[in-house]
C-alpha atoms as a PDB file:
ATOM      1  CA  MET A   1       5.892  13.709 -40.119  1.00  0.00           C
ATOM      2  CA  ILE A   2       9.184  12.505 -38.682  1.00  0.00           C
ATOM      3  CA  TYR A   3       8.641  14.710 -35.621  1.00  0.00           C
ATOM      4  CA  VAL A   4       5.324  12.970 -34.939  1.00  0.00           C
ATOM      5  CA  PHE A   5       7.027   9.579 -35.188  1.00  0.00           C
ATOM      6  CA  ASP A   6       9.842  10.727 -32.877  1.00  0.00           C
ATOM      7  CA  SER A   7       7.307  12.070 -30.396  1.00  0.00           C
ATOM      8  CA  LEU A   8       5.466   8.739 -30.317  1.00  0.00           C
ATOM      9  CA  ILE A   9       8.720   6.858 -29.712  1.00  0.00           C
ATOM     10  CA  ILE A  10       9.640   9.189 -26.820  1.00  0.00           C
ATOM     11  CA  PHE A  11       6.205   8.788 -25.287  1.00  0.00           C
ATOM     12  CA  PHE A  12       6.300   4.997 -25.690  1.00  0.00           C
ATOM     13  CA  LEU A  13       9.744   4.629 -24.105  1.00  0.00           C
ATOM     14  CA  PHE A  14       8.934   6.744 -21.060  1.00  0.00           C
ATOM     15  CA  SER A  15       5.546   5.022 -20.722  1.00  0.00           C
ATOM     16  CA  LEU A  16       7.387   1.702 -20.684  1.00  0.00           C
ATOM     17  CA  PHE A  17       9.555   2.958 -17.845  1.00  0.00           C
ATOM     18  CA  ALA A  18       6.558   4.294 -15.910  1.00  0.00           C
ATOM     19  CA  PHE A  19       4.610   1.049 -16.303  1.00  0.00           C
ATOM     20  CA  SER A  20       7.471  -1.209 -15.194  1.00  0.00           C
ATOM     21  CA  HIS A  21       8.376   1.128 -12.314  1.00  0.00           C
ATOM     22  CA  SER A  22       4.803   1.198 -10.989  1.00  0.00           C
ATOM     23  CA  ILE A  23       4.385  -2.571 -11.263  1.00  0.00           C
ATOM     24  CA  LEU A  24       7.625  -3.319  -9.400  1.00  0.00           C
ATOM     25  CA  ALA A  25       6.669  -0.821  -6.674  1.00  0.00           C
ATOM     26  CA  ALA A  26       3.218  -2.347  -6.135  1.00  0.00           C
ATOM     27  CA  PHE A  27       2.427  -3.653  -2.655  1.00  0.00           C
ATOM     28  CA  ASP A  28       1.033  -6.981  -3.911  1.00  0.00           C
ATOM     29  CA  VAL A  29       4.067  -7.616  -6.142  1.00  0.00           C
ATOM     30  CA  LYS A  30       6.480  -7.012  -3.262  1.00  0.00           C
ATOM     31  CA  LYS A  31       4.401  -9.244  -1.006  1.00  0.00           C
ATOM     32  CA  LYS A  32       4.589 -12.106  -3.528  1.00  0.00           C
ATOM     33  CA  ILE A  33       8.352 -11.642  -3.810  1.00  0.00           C
ATOM     34  CA  THR A  34       8.657 -11.671  -0.028  1.00  0.00           C
ATOM     35  CA  ASP A  35       6.701 -14.936   0.142  1.00  0.00           C
ATOM     36  CA  LYS A  36       9.331 -16.489  -2.150  1.00  0.00           C
ATOM     37  CA  VAL A  37      12.600 -14.961  -0.891  1.00  0.00           C
ATOM     38  CA  GLY A  38      11.817 -14.256   2.782  1.00  0.00           C
ATOM     39  CA  ASN A  39      14.025 -11.704   4.509  1.00  0.00           C
ATOM     40  CA  LYS A  40      16.175 -11.311   1.397  1.00  0.00           C
ATOM     41  CA  ILE A  41      13.515  -8.803   0.367  1.00  0.00           C
ATOM     42  CA  ALA A  42      15.792  -6.448   2.315  1.00  0.00           C
ATOM     43  CA  PHE A  43      17.871  -6.102  -0.869  1.00  0.00           C
ATOM     44  CA  TYR A  44      14.865  -5.279  -3.038  1.00  0.00           C
ATOM     45  CA  ARG A  45      14.718  -1.536  -2.393  1.00  0.00           C
ATOM     46  CA  LEU A  46      18.349  -0.915  -3.359  1.00  0.00           C
ATOM     47  CA  PHE A  47      17.998  -3.180  -6.405  1.00  0.00           C
ATOM     48  CA  PHE A  48      14.801  -1.381  -7.392  1.00  0.00           C
ATOM     49  CA  ASN A  49      16.427   2.059  -7.114  1.00  0.00           C
ATOM     50  CA  ILE A  50      19.585   1.125  -9.032  1.00  0.00           C
ATOM     51  CA  THR A  51      17.759  -0.598 -11.881  1.00  0.00           C
ATOM     52  CA  SER A  52      15.252   2.268 -12.099  1.00  0.00           C
ATOM     53  CA  VAL A  53      18.039   4.827 -12.504  1.00  0.00           C
ATOM     54  CA  ILE A  54      19.819   2.695 -15.123  1.00  0.00           C
ATOM     55  CA  PHE A  55      16.601   2.084 -17.057  1.00  0.00           C
ATOM     56  CA  PHE A  56      15.619   5.763 -16.907  1.00  0.00           C
ATOM     57  CA  VAL A  57      19.039   7.019 -18.052  1.00  0.00           C
ATOM     58  CA  ALA A  58      19.117   4.446 -20.869  1.00  0.00           C
ATOM     59  CA  ILE A  59      15.689   5.524 -22.115  1.00  0.00           C
ATOM     60  CA  TYR A  60      16.682   9.184 -21.886  1.00  0.00           C
ATOM     61  CA  PHE A  61      19.752   8.663 -24.069  1.00  0.00           C
ATOM     62  CA  ILE A  62      18.222   6.309 -26.667  1.00  0.00           C
ATOM     63  CA  SER A  63      15.146   8.491 -27.159  1.00  0.00           C
ATOM     64  CA  PRO A  64      15.165  10.514 -30.389  1.00  0.00           C
ATOM     65  CA  LYS A  65      15.982  14.201 -29.918  1.00  0.00           C
ATOM     66  CA  PRO A  66      13.999  16.127 -32.563  1.00  0.00           C
ATOM     67  CA  ASN A  67      15.649  19.497 -33.252  1.00  0.00           C
ATOM     68  CA  VAL A  68      12.584  21.646 -32.626  1.00  0.00           C
ATOM     69  CA  LYS A  69      12.824  24.680 -30.369  1.00  0.00           C
ATOM     70  CA  ILE A  70       9.643  25.664 -28.529  1.00  0.00           C
ATOM     71  CA  TYR A  71      11.005  28.779 -26.821  1.00  0.00           C
ATOM     72  CA  ASP A  72      14.247  30.311 -25.556  1.00  0.00           C
ATOM     73  CA  LEU A  73      13.739  32.940 -22.873  1.00  0.00           C
ATOM     74  CA  GLN A  74      16.241  35.764 -22.676  1.00  0.00           C
ATOM     75  CA  PHE A  75      17.282  38.059 -19.831  1.00  0.00           C
ATOM     76  CA  PRO A  76      15.563  38.965 -17.507  1.00  0.00           C
ATOM     77  CA  TYR A  77      12.842  36.354 -18.059  1.00  0.00           C
ATOM     78  CA  ASP A  78      15.293  33.478 -17.771  1.00  0.00           C
ATOM     79  CA  LEU A  79      16.252  34.699 -14.271  1.00  0.00           C
ATOM     80  CA  ILE A  80      12.584  34.700 -13.241  1.00  0.00           C
ATOM     81  CA  ILE A  81      12.251  31.100 -14.408  1.00  0.00           C
ATOM     82  CA  PHE A  82      15.480  30.127 -12.638  1.00  0.00           C
ATOM     83  CA  THR A  83      14.085  31.645  -9.433  1.00  0.00           C
ATOM     84  CA  PHE A  84      11.075  29.326  -9.509  1.00  0.00           C
ATOM     85  CA  GLN A  85      13.341  26.404 -10.335  1.00  0.00           C
ATOM     86  CA  PHE A  86      15.603  27.269  -7.399  1.00  0.00           C
ATOM     87  CA  LEU A  87      12.592  27.419  -5.070  1.00  0.00           C
ATOM     88  CA  GLY A  88      11.588  23.975  -6.305  1.00  0.00           C
ATOM     89  CA  ILE A  89      15.052  22.637  -5.461  1.00  0.00           C
ATOM     90  CA  ILE A  90      14.789  24.139  -1.972  1.00  0.00           C
ATOM     91  CA  GLY A  91      11.403  22.428  -1.645  1.00  0.00           C
ATOM     92  CA  LEU A  92      12.958  19.075  -2.543  1.00  0.00           C
ATOM     93  CA  PHE A  93      15.616  19.522   0.145  1.00  0.00           C
ATOM     94  CA  TRP A  94      12.897  20.545   2.614  1.00  0.00           C
ATOM     95  CA  THR A  95      10.912  17.414   1.805  1.00  0.00           C
ATOM     96  CA  SER A  96      13.965  15.143   1.993  1.00  0.00           C
ATOM     97  CA  SER A  97      14.673  16.437   5.513  1.00  0.00           C
ATOM     98  CA  TYR A  98      11.498  14.629   6.648  1.00  0.00           C
ATOM     99  CA  LEU A  99      12.473  11.354   4.996  1.00  0.00           C
ATOM    100  CA  ASN A 100      14.747   8.591   6.176  1.00  0.00           C
ATOM    101  CA  LEU A 101      17.049   8.734   3.153  1.00  0.00           C
ATOM    102  CA  LYS A 102      18.964   5.562   4.070  1.00  0.00           C
ATOM    103  CA  GLU A 103      15.644   3.712   4.258  1.00  0.00           C
ATOM    104  CA  PHE A 104      14.493   5.353   1.026  1.00  0.00           C
ATOM    105  CA  LEU A 105      17.661   4.280  -0.786  1.00  0.00           C
ATOM    106  CA  GLY A 106      17.570   0.766   0.665  1.00  0.00           C
ATOM    107  CA  LEU A 107      20.734   0.916   2.773  1.00  0.00           C
ATOM    108  CA  SER A 108      19.109   0.571   6.194  1.00  0.00           C
ATOM    109  CA  GLN A 109      17.307  -2.565   5.073  1.00  0.00           C
ATOM    110  CA  ILE A 110      20.565  -4.286   4.158  1.00  0.00           C
ATOM    111  CA  LYS A 111      22.109  -3.261   7.464  1.00  0.00           C
ATOM    112  CA  ARG A 112      19.182  -4.793   9.363  1.00  0.00           C
ATOM    113  CA  TYR A 113      19.474  -7.949   7.260  1.00  0.00           C
ATOM    114  CA  PHE A 114      23.108  -8.500   8.232  1.00  0.00           C
ATOM    115  CA  GLN A 115      22.208  -7.749  11.853  1.00  0.00           C
ATOM    116  CA  ASN A 116      19.631 -10.576  11.633  1.00  0.00           C
ATOM    117  CA  ASN A 117      16.723  -8.379  12.715  1.00  0.00           C
ATOM    118  CA  TYR A 118      14.909  -7.767   9.428  1.00  0.00           C
ATOM    119  CA  LYS A 119      11.122  -8.049   9.668  1.00  0.00           C
ATOM    120  CA  THR A 120       9.594  -9.444   6.488  1.00  0.00           C
ATOM    121  CA  GLU A 121       6.195  -7.938   7.313  1.00  0.00           C
ATOM    122  CA  ASN A 122       7.720  -4.557   6.452  1.00  0.00           C
ATOM    123  CA  LEU A 123       8.361  -5.881   2.923  1.00  0.00           C
ATOM    124  CA  ASP A 124      11.125  -3.775   1.349  1.00  0.00           C
ATOM    125  CA  GLU A 125      11.079  -0.862   3.806  1.00  0.00           C
ATOM    126  CA  ASN A 126      10.180   0.149   7.317  1.00  0.00           C
ATOM    127  CA  HIS A 127       7.524   2.570   6.148  1.00  0.00           C
ATOM    128  CA  GLU A 128       6.224   5.515   8.159  1.00  0.00           C
ATOM    129  CA  LEU A 129       3.200   7.662   7.374  1.00  0.00           C
ATOM    130  CA  ILE A 130       4.580  11.219   7.364  1.00  0.00           C
ATOM    131  CA  ILE A 131       2.010  13.985   7.795  1.00  0.00           C
ATOM    132  CA  LYS A 132       4.198  16.882   8.903  1.00  0.00           C
ATOM    133  CA  GLY A 133       6.280  19.550   7.190  1.00  0.00           C
ATOM    134  CA  PRO A 134       5.508  19.743   3.448  1.00  0.00           C
ATOM    135  CA  PHE A 135       3.277  16.678   3.789  1.00  0.00           C
ATOM    136  CA  LYS A 136       0.731  18.862   5.587  1.00  0.00           C
ATOM    137  CA  TYR A 137       0.161  20.769   2.334  1.00  0.00           C
ATOM    138  CA  SER A 138       0.690  18.112  -0.343  1.00  0.00           C
ATOM    139  CA  ARG A 139       0.371  14.339  -0.161  1.00  0.00           C
ATOM    140  CA  HIS A 140       3.212  14.063  -2.673  1.00  0.00           C
ATOM    141  CA  PRO A 141       5.517  17.059  -2.153  1.00  0.00           C
ATOM    142  CA  ILE A 142       8.413  15.336  -3.957  1.00  0.00           C
ATOM    143  CA  TYR A 143       6.292  15.151  -7.107  1.00  0.00           C
ATOM    144  CA  PHE A 144       5.021  18.697  -6.616  1.00  0.00           C
ATOM    145  CA  PHE A 145       8.480  20.235  -6.286  1.00  0.00           C
ATOM    146  CA  SER A 146       9.813  18.014  -9.083  1.00  0.00           C
ATOM    147  CA  ILE A 147       7.136  19.410 -11.408  1.00  0.00           C
ATOM    148  CA  ILE A 148       8.310  22.924 -10.543  1.00  0.00           C
ATOM    149  CA  VAL A 149      11.984  22.053 -11.134  1.00  0.00           C
ATOM    150  CA  LEU A 150      11.275  20.254 -14.410  1.00  0.00           C
ATOM    151  CA  GLY A 151       8.605  22.624 -15.727  1.00  0.00           C
ATOM    152  CA  PHE A 152      10.236  25.989 -15.098  1.00  0.00           C
ATOM    153  CA  ARG A 153      12.923  25.909 -17.741  1.00  0.00           C
ATOM    154  CA  PRO A 154      14.270  28.931 -19.702  1.00  0.00           C
ATOM    155  CA  TYR A 155      14.841  26.820 -22.823  1.00  0.00           C
ATOM    156  CA  MET A 156      12.313  24.304 -24.127  1.00  0.00           C
ATOM    157  CA  ASP A 157      12.575  21.984 -27.116  1.00  0.00           C
ATOM    158  CA  LEU A 158      10.188  19.314 -28.383  1.00  0.00           C
ATOM    159  CA  PHE A 159      11.979  16.418 -26.714  1.00  0.00           C
ATOM    160  CA  TYR A 160      12.024  18.042 -23.291  1.00  0.00           C
ATOM    161  CA  LEU A 161       8.387  19.134 -23.604  1.00  0.00           C
ATOM    162  CA  ILE A 162       7.274  15.556 -24.298  1.00  0.00           C
ATOM    163  CA  PHE A 163       9.582  14.307 -21.552  1.00  0.00           C
ATOM    164  CA  PHE A 164       8.051  16.787 -19.098  1.00  0.00           C
ATOM    165  CA  PHE A 165       4.474  15.774 -19.941  1.00  0.00           C
ATOM    166  CA  CYS A 166       5.431  12.098 -19.620  1.00  0.00           C
ATOM    167  CA  MET A 167       6.868  12.765 -16.168  1.00  0.00           C
ATOM    168  CA  VAL A 168       3.733  14.632 -15.055  1.00  0.00           C
ATOM    169  CA  ILE A 169       1.549  11.765 -16.288  1.00  0.00           C
ATOM    170  CA  TYR A 170       3.841   9.319 -14.509  1.00  0.00           C
ATOM    171  CA  PHE A 171       3.667  11.329 -11.277  1.00  0.00           C
ATOM    172  CA  TYR A 172      -0.127  11.226 -11.424  1.00  0.00           C
ATOM    173  CA  VAL A 173      -0.473   7.544 -12.335  1.00  0.00           C
ATOM    174  CA  GLY A 174       2.386   6.462 -10.062  1.00  0.00           C
ATOM    175  CA  SER A 175       0.995   8.389  -7.106  1.00  0.00           C
ATOM    176  CA  THR A 176      -2.406   6.752  -7.647  1.00  0.00           C
ATOM    177  CA  TYR A 177      -0.851   3.282  -7.359  1.00  0.00           C
ATOM    178  CA  GLU A 178       1.256   4.464  -4.434  1.00  0.00           C
ATOM    179  CA  GLU A 179      -1.824   5.655  -2.575  1.00  0.00           C
ATOM    180  CA  LYS A 180      -3.533   2.300  -3.095  1.00  0.00           C
ATOM    181  CA  ASN A 181      -0.537   0.717  -1.366  1.00  0.00           C
ATOM    182  CA  LEU A 182      -0.735   3.253   1.457  1.00  0.00           C
ATOM    183  CA  GLU A 183      -4.441   2.585   1.908  1.00  0.00           C
ATOM    184  CA  LYS A 184      -3.646  -1.119   2.321  1.00  0.00           C
ATOM    185  CA  ARG A 185      -0.965  -0.311   4.909  1.00  0.00           C
ATOM    186  CA  TYR A 186      -2.752   2.340   6.959  1.00  0.00           C
ATOM    187  CA  GLY A 187      -6.453   1.974   6.204  1.00  0.00           C
ATOM    188  CA  GLU A 188      -8.662   4.686   7.702  1.00  0.00           C
ATOM    189  CA  SER A 189      -5.672   6.730   8.895  1.00  0.00           C
ATOM    190  CA  TYR A 190      -4.518   7.314   5.343  1.00  0.00           C
ATOM    191  CA  LEU A 191      -8.037   7.812   3.981  1.00  0.00           C
ATOM    192  CA  ASN A 192      -8.592  10.503   6.610  1.00  0.00           C
ATOM    193  CA  TYR A 193      -5.301  12.184   5.683  1.00  0.00           C
ATOM    194  CA  LYS A 194      -6.150  11.865   1.985  1.00  0.00           C
ATOM    195  CA  SER A 195      -9.485  13.619   2.479  1.00  0.00           C
ATOM    196  CA  LYS A 196      -7.821  16.655   4.067  1.00  0.00           C
ATOM    197  CA  VAL A 197      -4.650  17.236   2.025  1.00  0.00           C
ATOM    198  CA  PRO A 198      -4.442  17.893  -1.764  1.00  0.00           C
ATOM    199  CA  LYS A 199      -2.677  15.346  -3.922  1.00  0.00           C
ATOM    200  CA  PHE A 200      -0.051  17.627  -5.479  1.00  0.00           C
ATOM    201  CA  PHE A 201      -0.733  21.336  -5.462  1.00  0.00           C
ATOM    202  CA  PRO A 202      -1.192  23.008  -2.059  1.00  0.00           C
ATOM    203  CA  ASN A 203      -4.459  24.856  -1.593  1.00  0.00           C
ATOM    204  CA  PRO A 204      -3.851  28.073   0.417  1.00  0.00           C
ATOM    205  CA  PHE A 205      -7.602  28.454   0.949  1.00  0.00           C
ATOM    206  CA  LEU A 206      -8.045  25.013   2.453  1.00  0.00           C
ATOM    207  CA  LYS A 207      -8.653  25.071   6.195  1.00  0.00           C
ATOM    208  CA  ARG A 208      -6.488  22.351   7.719  1.00  0.00           C
ATOM    209  CA  LYS A 209      -6.713  20.444  10.926  1.00  0.00           C
ATOM    210  CA  GLN A 210      -3.493  19.029  12.297  1.00  0.00           C
ATOM    211  CA  ASN A 211      -5.077  15.814  13.554  1.00  0.00           C
ATOM    212  CA  PHE A 212      -5.221  13.511  10.530  1.00  0.00           C
ATOM    213  CA  VAL A 213      -5.531  10.235  12.378  1.00  0.00           C
END
């Protein structure tokens, strides 16, 4: 019975993180903040990232860790799993090569603020609709490759299994809110892209056209 209680606590804590993270990332919330603080919204992205990491790490460490082993793969099966995990890591680096990491982290925004050329209509980032590289095969390649890295694990216990399912649920719910924001930014361009590219998992049988807009 204690394992059920522990599992519910883990799920609740990570759900709390996911809910707060999605709310603070919402387009309408950032617009209301911008209306109040003006171009100081330039600091929002960095603040958002730092607090998210702190909150996530805190939840990870305070969550109960029930001592229940699900499986423990031995050689050579652990190497097979590590191979998939390694490919997922490569995929994350591939995806990051198409992103403006300084903009993603919030550093470019602060630089523009101190240069007195920050545009408040961009809210907390100078966003760009990326439809090349891995984004041609998945609308959310970061989530897709993260699922591979997190899911392919040679050792699995109850805590990590619940954690993994919470992350997958968060990826799905978070991406849904994210796409609503993108639809508000890009309108028909994003809807057209959305209709042609799978949300997470690439479809090798899907015939793609390069012109999404």
